[in-house]
PDB file of N, CA and C in Angstrom:
ATOM      1  N   MET A   1     -19.740   7.338   1.264  1.00  0.00           N
ATOM      2  CA  MET A   1     -18.920   6.864   2.280  1.00  0.00           C
ATOM      3  C   MET A   1     -19.759   6.782   3.674  1.00  0.00           C
ATOM      4  N   GLY A   2     -20.853   7.254   3.427  1.00  0.00           N
ATOM      5  CA  GLY A   2     -21.632   7.702   4.986  1.00  0.00           C
ATOM      6  C   GLY A   2     -21.271   9.046   5.476  1.00  0.00           C
ATOM      7  N   VAL A   3     -20.766   9.806   5.195  1.00  0.00           N
ATOM      8  CA  VAL A   3     -20.004  10.656   5.908  1.00  0.00           C
ATOM      9  C   VAL A   3     -21.044  12.339   4.947  1.00  0.00           C
ATOM     10  N   PRO A   4     -22.480  12.587   4.605  1.00  0.00           N
ATOM     11  CA  PRO A   4     -22.434  13.730   3.766  1.00  0.00           C
ATOM     12  C   PRO A   4     -21.826  14.742   4.478  1.00  0.00           C
ATOM     13  N   HIS A   5     -22.286  15.106   5.503  1.00  0.00           N
ATOM     14  CA  HIS A   5     -21.719  16.035   6.041  1.00  0.00           C
ATOM     15  C   HIS A   5     -20.304  17.039   5.856  1.00  0.00           C
ATOM     16  N   LEU A   6     -19.274  16.059   5.358  1.00  0.00           N
ATOM     17  CA  LEU A   6     -17.949  16.388   4.283  1.00  0.00           C
ATOM     18  C   LEU A   6     -17.858  16.626   3.128  1.00  0.00           C
ATOM     19  N   ARG A   7     -18.015  17.329   2.344  1.00  0.00           N
ATOM     20  CA  ARG A   7     -18.599  17.384   1.136  1.00  0.00           C
ATOM     21  C   ARG A   7     -17.027  18.154   0.966  1.00  0.00           C
ATOM     22  N   PRO A   8     -16.376  17.799  -0.143  1.00  0.00           N
ATOM     23  CA  PRO A   8     -15.198  18.786  -0.528  1.00  0.00           C
ATOM     24  C   PRO A   8     -15.804  20.334  -1.084  1.00  0.00           C
ATOM     25  N   GLN A   9     -14.707  21.392  -0.894  1.00  0.00           N
ATOM     26  CA  GLN A   9     -14.827  22.349  -0.910  1.00  0.00           C
ATOM     27  C   GLN A   9     -14.003  22.912  -2.641  1.00  0.00           C
ATOM     28  N   ILE A  10     -14.372  22.794  -3.810  1.00  0.00           N
ATOM     29  CA  ILE A  10     -13.509  22.885  -4.826  1.00  0.00           C
ATOM     30  C   ILE A  10     -13.265  24.378  -4.929  1.00  0.00           C
ATOM     31  N   LEU A  11     -12.598  25.265  -4.929  1.00  0.00           N
ATOM     32  CA  LEU A  11     -12.294  26.605  -5.171  1.00  0.00           C
ATOM     33  C   LEU A  11     -12.529  27.692  -6.676  1.00  0.00           C
ATOM     34  N   GLY A  12     -11.821  26.140  -6.890  1.00  0.00           N
ATOM     35  CA  GLY A  12     -11.691  26.845  -8.766  1.00  0.00           C
ATOM     36  C   GLY A  12     -10.139  27.669  -8.836  1.00  0.00           C
ATOM     37  N   LYS A  13      -9.383  27.975  -7.953  1.00  0.00           N
ATOM     38  CA  LYS A  13      -8.347  28.760  -8.355  1.00  0.00           C
ATOM     39  C   LYS A  13      -7.070  27.677  -7.400  1.00  0.00           C
ATOM     40  N   ALA A  14      -5.789  28.142  -8.015  1.00  0.00           N
ATOM     41  CA  ALA A  14      -4.809  27.102  -7.437  1.00  0.00           C
ATOM     42  C   ALA A  14      -3.593  27.900  -6.353  1.00  0.00           C
ATOM     43  N   ARG A  15      -3.107  27.251  -5.714  1.00  0.00           N
ATOM     44  CA  ARG A  15      -1.859  27.394  -5.207  1.00  0.00           C
ATOM     45  C   ARG A  15      -0.650  28.240  -5.819  1.00  0.00           C
ATOM     46  N   ALA A  16       0.046  28.973  -5.192  1.00  0.00           N
ATOM     47  CA  ALA A  16       1.364  29.338  -5.820  1.00  0.00           C
ATOM     48  C   ALA A  16       1.921  27.799  -5.239  1.00  0.00           C
ATOM     49  N   GLY A  17       2.829  27.311  -6.540  1.00  0.00           N
ATOM     50  CA  GLY A  17       3.666  26.389  -6.254  1.00  0.00           C
ATOM     51  C   GLY A  17       2.643  25.148  -6.868  1.00  0.00           C
ATOM     52  N   ASP A  18       1.487  24.983  -6.843  1.00  0.00           N
ATOM     53  CA  ASP A  18       0.730  23.458  -7.066  1.00  0.00           C
ATOM     54  C   ASP A  18       1.179  23.226  -8.501  1.00  0.00           C
ATOM     55  N   ILE A  19       0.906  21.887  -8.493  1.00  0.00           N
ATOM     56  CA  ILE A  19       1.085  20.913  -9.550  1.00  0.00           C
ATOM     57  C   ILE A  19       0.150  21.160 -10.442  1.00  0.00           C
ATOM     58  N   ARG A  20      -0.423  21.490 -11.336  1.00  0.00           N
ATOM     59  CA  ARG A  20      -1.503  20.982 -12.059  1.00  0.00           C
ATOM     60  C   ARG A  20      -1.979  19.892 -12.405  1.00  0.00           C
ATOM     61  N   HIS A  21      -1.034  19.297 -12.639  1.00  0.00           N
ATOM     62  CA  HIS A  21      -1.745  17.942 -13.461  1.00  0.00           C
ATOM     63  C   HIS A  21      -0.485  17.043 -13.281  1.00  0.00           C
ATOM     64  N   CYS A  22      -0.526  15.907 -13.060  1.00  0.00           N
ATOM     65  CA  CYS A  22       0.338  14.521 -12.006  1.00  0.00           C
ATOM     66  C   CYS A  22       0.129  13.611 -12.469  1.00  0.00           C
ATOM     67  N   PHE A  23       0.817  12.571 -13.016  1.00  0.00           N
ATOM     68  CA  PHE A  23       0.544  11.731 -13.426  1.00  0.00           C
ATOM     69  C   PHE A  23       1.807  10.501 -12.999  1.00  0.00           C
ATOM     70  N   ALA A  24       1.220   9.540 -12.186  1.00  0.00           N
ATOM     71  CA  ALA A  24       2.252   8.366 -11.674  1.00  0.00           C
ATOM     72  C   ALA A  24       2.756   7.455 -12.556  1.00  0.00           C
ATOM     73  N   ASP A  25       4.330   7.291 -11.996  1.00  0.00           N
ATOM     74  CA  ASP A  25       4.815   6.424 -13.397  1.00  0.00           C
ATOM     75  C   ASP A  25       6.149   5.884 -12.591  1.00  0.00           C
ATOM     76  N   ILE A  26       5.973   4.068 -12.767  1.00  0.00           N
ATOM     77  CA  ILE A  26       6.959   3.739 -11.575  1.00  0.00           C
ATOM     78  C   ILE A  26       7.893   3.188 -12.472  1.00  0.00           C
ATOM     79  N   THR A  27       8.182   3.899 -13.838  1.00  0.00           N
ATOM     80  CA  THR A  27       8.798   3.052 -14.877  1.00  0.00           C
ATOM     81  C   THR A  27      10.612   2.851 -14.384  1.00  0.00           C
ATOM     82  N   LYS A  28      10.534   4.568 -13.375  1.00  0.00           N
ATOM     83  CA  LYS A  28      11.868   4.515 -13.118  1.00  0.00           C
ATOM     84  C   LYS A  28      12.206   3.790 -11.923  1.00  0.00           C
ATOM     85  N   ALA A  29      11.037   3.669 -10.948  1.00  0.00           N
ATOM     86  CA  ALA A  29      11.903   3.056  -9.732  1.00  0.00           C
ATOM     87  C   ALA A  29      12.098   1.984 -10.721  1.00  0.00           C
ATOM     88  N   HIS A  30      11.139   0.723 -11.235  1.00  0.00           N
ATOM     89  CA  HIS A  30      11.211  -0.255 -11.723  1.00  0.00           C
ATOM     90  C   HIS A  30      12.556  -0.598 -12.247  1.00  0.00           C
ATOM     91  N   ALA A  31      13.023   0.476 -12.694  1.00  0.00           N
ATOM     92  CA  ALA A  31      14.219   0.439 -13.851  1.00  0.00           C
ATOM     93  C   ALA A  31      15.700   0.220 -12.820  1.00  0.00           C
ATOM     94  N   LEU A  32      15.323   1.421 -11.985  1.00  0.00           N
ATOM     95  CA  LEU A  32      16.664   1.700 -11.229  1.00  0.00           C
ATOM     96  C   LEU A  32      16.910   0.617  -9.809  1.00  0.00           C
ATOM     97  N   LEU A  33      15.250   0.560  -9.588  1.00  0.00           N
ATOM     98  CA  LEU A  33      15.364  -0.327  -7.997  1.00  0.00           C
ATOM     99  C   LEU A  33      14.975  -2.037  -8.108  1.00  0.00           C
ATOM    100  N   GLY A  34      14.031  -1.997  -9.229  1.00  0.00           N
ATOM    101  CA  GLY A  34      13.613  -3.410  -9.247  1.00  0.00           C
ATOM    102  C   GLY A  34      11.966  -3.364  -8.709  1.00  0.00           C
ATOM    103  N   TYR A  35      11.566  -2.087  -8.515  1.00  0.00           N
ATOM    104  CA  TYR A  35      10.015  -2.089  -7.785  1.00  0.00           C
ATOM    105  C   TYR A  35       9.202  -2.985  -8.824  1.00  0.00           C
ATOM    106  N   ALA A  36       8.584  -3.221  -8.135  1.00  0.00           N
ATOM    107  CA  ALA A  36       7.201  -4.059  -8.377  1.00  0.00           C
ATOM    108  C   ALA A  36       6.085  -4.038  -7.417  1.00  0.00           C
ATOM    109  N   PRO A  37       5.065  -3.291  -8.030  1.00  0.00           N
ATOM    110  CA  PRO A  37       4.004  -3.212  -6.639  1.00  0.00           C
ATOM    111  C   PRO A  37       3.582  -4.706  -6.409  1.00  0.00           C
ATOM    112  N   SER A  38       3.268  -5.201  -5.219  1.00  0.00           N
ATOM    113  CA  SER A  38       2.815  -6.299  -4.341  1.00  0.00           C
ATOM    114  C   SER A  38       1.422  -6.879  -4.654  1.00  0.00           C
ATOM    115  N   ALA A  39       0.495  -5.635  -4.888  1.00  0.00           N
ATOM    116  CA  ALA A  39      -0.760  -5.683  -4.942  1.00  0.00           C
ATOM    117  C   ALA A  39      -1.574  -4.720  -6.285  1.00  0.00           C
ATOM    118  N   LEU A  40      -2.476  -5.337  -6.633  1.00  0.00           N
ATOM    119  CA  LEU A  40      -3.112  -4.225  -7.503  1.00  0.00           C
ATOM    120  C   LEU A  40      -3.984  -2.952  -7.107  1.00  0.00           C
ATOM    121  N   LEU A  41      -4.387  -2.025  -7.031  1.00  0.00           N
ATOM    122  CA  LEU A  41      -4.689  -0.857  -6.284  1.00  0.00           C
ATOM    123  C   LEU A  41      -6.123  -1.103  -6.164  1.00  0.00           C
ATOM    124  N   GLN A  42      -6.647  -1.690  -6.951  1.00  0.00           N
ATOM    125  CA  GLN A  42      -8.560  -2.204  -6.560  1.00  0.00           C
ATOM    126  C   GLN A  42      -8.662  -3.223  -5.704  1.00  0.00           C
ATOM    127  N   ASP A  43      -7.604  -3.837  -5.324  1.00  0.00           N
ATOM    128  CA  ASP A  43      -7.734  -4.834  -4.193  1.00  0.00           C
ATOM    129  C   ASP A  43      -7.324  -4.056  -2.929  1.00  0.00           C
ATOM    130  N   SER A  44      -6.920  -3.034  -2.705  1.00  0.00           N
ATOM    131  CA  SER A  44      -6.688  -2.715  -1.735  1.00  0.00           C
ATOM    132  C   SER A  44      -7.696  -1.407  -1.626  1.00  0.00           C
ATOM    133  N   PHE A  45      -8.676  -1.167  -1.979  1.00  0.00           N
ATOM    134  CA  PHE A  45      -9.864  -0.747  -1.480  1.00  0.00           C
ATOM    135  C   PHE A  45     -10.345  -0.643  -0.258  1.00  0.00           C
ATOM    136  N   GLN A  46     -10.768  -1.718  -0.122  1.00  0.00           N
ATOM    137  CA  GLN A  46     -11.435  -2.152   0.734  1.00  0.00           C
ATOM    138  C   GLN A  46     -11.065  -2.139   2.227  1.00  0.00           C
ATOM    139  N   GLU A  47      -9.702  -2.190   2.417  1.00  0.00           N
ATOM    140  CA  GLU A  47      -8.918  -2.037   3.469  1.00  0.00           C
ATOM    141  C   GLU A  47      -8.734  -0.533   3.902  1.00  0.00           C
ATOM    142  N   ILE A  48      -8.468   0.164   2.437  1.00  0.00           N
ATOM    143  CA  ILE A  48      -8.572   1.493   2.927  1.00  0.00           C
ATOM    144  C   ILE A  48      -9.816   2.428   3.172  1.00  0.00           C
ATOM    145  N   VAL A  49     -10.707   2.030   2.329  1.00  0.00           N
ATOM    146  CA  VAL A  49     -12.374   2.258   3.002  1.00  0.00           C
ATOM    147  C   VAL A  49     -12.268   2.048   4.545  1.00  0.00           C
ATOM    148  N   ALA A  50     -12.273   0.980   5.052  1.00  0.00           N
ATOM    149  CA  ALA A  50     -12.186   0.284   6.415  1.00  0.00           C
ATOM    150  C   ALA A  50     -11.555   1.427   7.116  1.00  0.00           C
ATOM    151  N   TRP A  51     -10.343   1.748   7.077  1.00  0.00           N
ATOM    152  CA  TRP A  51      -9.497   2.422   8.078  1.00  0.00           C
ATOM    153  C   TRP A  51     -10.145   4.020   7.897  1.00  0.00           C
ATOM    154  N   ILE A  52     -10.495   4.234   6.743  1.00  0.00           N
ATOM    155  CA  ILE A  52     -11.137   5.864   6.251  1.00  0.00           C
ATOM    156  C   ILE A  52     -12.115   5.811   7.503  1.00  0.00           C
ATOM    157  N   LEU A  53     -13.200   4.689   7.367  1.00  0.00           N
ATOM    158  CA  LEU A  53     -14.395   4.793   8.560  1.00  0.00           C
ATOM    159  C   LEU A  53     -13.882   4.961   9.978  1.00  0.00           C
ATOM    160  N   GLU A  54     -12.785   4.179  10.251  1.00  0.00           N
ATOM    161  CA  GLU A  54     -12.338   4.132  11.760  1.00  0.00           C
ATOM    162  C   GLU A  54     -11.956   5.169  11.888  1.00  0.00           C
ATOM    163  N   THR A  55     -11.369   6.175  11.309  1.00  0.00           N
ATOM    164  CA  THR A  55     -10.531   7.785  11.380  1.00  0.00           C
ATOM    165  C   THR A  55     -11.479   8.538  11.612  1.00  0.00           C
ATOM    166  N   GLU A  56     -11.548   9.672  12.360  1.00  0.00           N
ATOM    167  CA  GLU A  56     -12.242  10.939  12.733  1.00  0.00           C
ATOM    168  C   GLU A  56     -11.465  11.642  11.676  1.00  0.00           C
ATOM    169  N   ALA A  57     -12.082  12.296  10.953  1.00  0.00           N
ATOM    170  CA  ALA A  57     -11.553  13.364   9.931  1.00  0.00           C
ATOM    171  C   ALA A  57     -12.130  15.013  10.860  1.00  0.00           C
ATOM    172  N   ASN A  58     -11.008  15.733  10.694  1.00  0.00           N
ATOM    173  CA  ASN A  58     -11.118  16.984  10.944  1.00  0.00           C
ATOM    174  C   ASN A  58     -10.724  17.909   9.907  1.00  0.00           C
ATOM    175  N   ASP A  59     -12.259  18.414   9.425  1.00  0.00           N
ATOM    176  CA  ASP A  59     -11.839  19.455   8.028  1.00  0.00           C
ATOM    177  C   ASP A  59     -11.162  20.599   8.404  1.00  0.00           C
ATOM    178  N   GLY A  60     -10.197  21.011   8.218  1.00  0.00           N
ATOM    179  CA  GLY A  60      -9.852  22.255   8.362  1.00  0.00           C
ATOM    180  C   GLY A  60      -9.203  22.898   6.930  1.00  0.00           C
ATOM    181  N   GLY A  61      -9.994  22.975   5.711  1.00  0.00           N
ATOM    182  CA  GLY A  61     -10.266  23.143   4.850  1.00  0.00           C
ATOM    183  C   GLY A  61     -10.180  24.450   5.063  1.00  0.00           C
ATOM    184  N   GLU A  62     -11.372  25.000   5.732  1.00  0.00           N
ATOM    185  CA  GLU A  62     -11.612  26.742   5.775  1.00  0.00           C
ATOM    186  C   GLU A  62     -10.737  27.061   6.217  1.00  0.00           C
ATOM    187  N   LEU A  63     -10.057  26.862   7.352  1.00  0.00           N
ATOM    188  CA  LEU A  63      -9.117  27.584   8.045  1.00  0.00           C
ATOM    189  C   LEU A  63      -7.495  27.649   6.928  1.00  0.00           C
ATOM    190  N   ALA A  64      -7.595  26.555   6.093  1.00  0.00           N
ATOM    191  CA  ALA A  64      -6.546  26.733   5.004  1.00  0.00           C
ATOM    192  C   ALA A  64      -6.646  27.315   4.161  1.00  0.00           C
ATOM    193  N   LYS A  65      -7.964  27.322   3.689  1.00  0.00           N
ATOM    194  CA  LYS A  65      -8.118  28.585   2.734  1.00  0.00           C
ATOM    195  C   LYS A  65      -8.233  29.918   3.436  1.00  0.00           C
ATOM    196  N   GLN A  66      -8.765  30.187   4.505  1.00  0.00           N
ATOM    197  CA  GLN A  66      -8.612  31.852   4.916  1.00  0.00           C
ATOM    198  C   GLN A  66      -7.384  32.232   4.588  1.00  0.00           C
ATOM    199  N   GLN A  67      -6.057  31.123   5.276  1.00  0.00           N
ATOM    200  CA  GLN A  67      -4.715  31.662   5.882  1.00  0.00           C
ATOM    201  C   GLN A  67      -3.745  31.678   4.341  1.00  0.00           C
ATOM    202  N   LEU A  68      -4.551  30.744   3.108  1.00  0.00           N
ATOM    203  CA  LEU A  68      -3.298  31.122   2.041  1.00  0.00           C
ATOM    204  C   LEU A  68      -4.102  32.689   1.406  1.00  0.00           C
ATOM    205  N   GLU A  69      -5.413  32.660   1.461  1.00  0.00           N
ATOM    206  CA  GLU A  69      -5.594  33.865   1.017  1.00  0.00           C
ATOM    207  C   GLU A  69      -5.096  35.161   1.750  1.00  0.00           C
ATOM    208  N   MET A  70      -5.186  35.276   2.886  1.00  0.00           N
ATOM    209  CA  MET A  70      -4.786  36.140   3.648  1.00  0.00           C
ATOM    210  C   MET A  70      -3.222  35.926   2.984  1.00  0.00           C
ATOM    211  N   ARG A  71      -2.405  35.139   3.065  1.00  0.00           N
ATOM    212  CA  ARG A  71      -0.798  35.426   2.637  1.00  0.00           C
ATOM    213  C   ARG A  71      -0.903  35.345   0.664  1.00  0.00           C
ATOM    214  N   GLY A  72      -2.022  35.718   0.024  1.00  0.00           N
ATOM    215  CA  GLY A  72      -1.819  35.935  -1.101  1.00  0.00           C
ATOM    216  C   GLY A  72      -1.260  34.997  -2.232  1.00  0.00           C
ATOM    217  N   LEU A  73      -1.584  33.460  -1.257  1.00  0.00           N
ATOM    218  CA  LEU A  73      -1.147  32.253  -1.867  1.00  0.00           C
ATOM    219  C   LEU A  73      -2.332  31.615  -3.260  1.00  0.00           C
ATOM    220  N   VAL A  74      -2.937  32.724  -2.966  1.00  0.00           N
ATOM    221  CA  VAL A  74      -4.133  31.771  -3.480  1.00  0.00           C
ATOM    222  C   VAL A  74      -4.433  31.949  -5.460  1.00  0.00           C
ATOM    223  N   ALA A  75      -4.208  31.964  -6.313  1.00  0.00           N
ATOM    224  CA  ALA A  75      -4.523  32.339  -7.369  1.00  0.00           C
ATOM    225  C   ALA A  75      -6.085  32.363  -8.335  1.00  0.00           C
TER     226      ALA A  75
END
């Protein structure tokens, strides 16, 4: 997306309380509330990318990593 200076930092560690695997399922929302999506995900990408490109990113990842390690919350 044209921001090569922002690279994800993959630590290979889990934080205390992290959910390791999560899969979205709207079955219950549909059954209880009658919810149905009004748009397909792939039709929303252009709008999401435009918003991301307009928004200034502030990378707080290093500070968050230090704080988690300092508190012993990273396994």
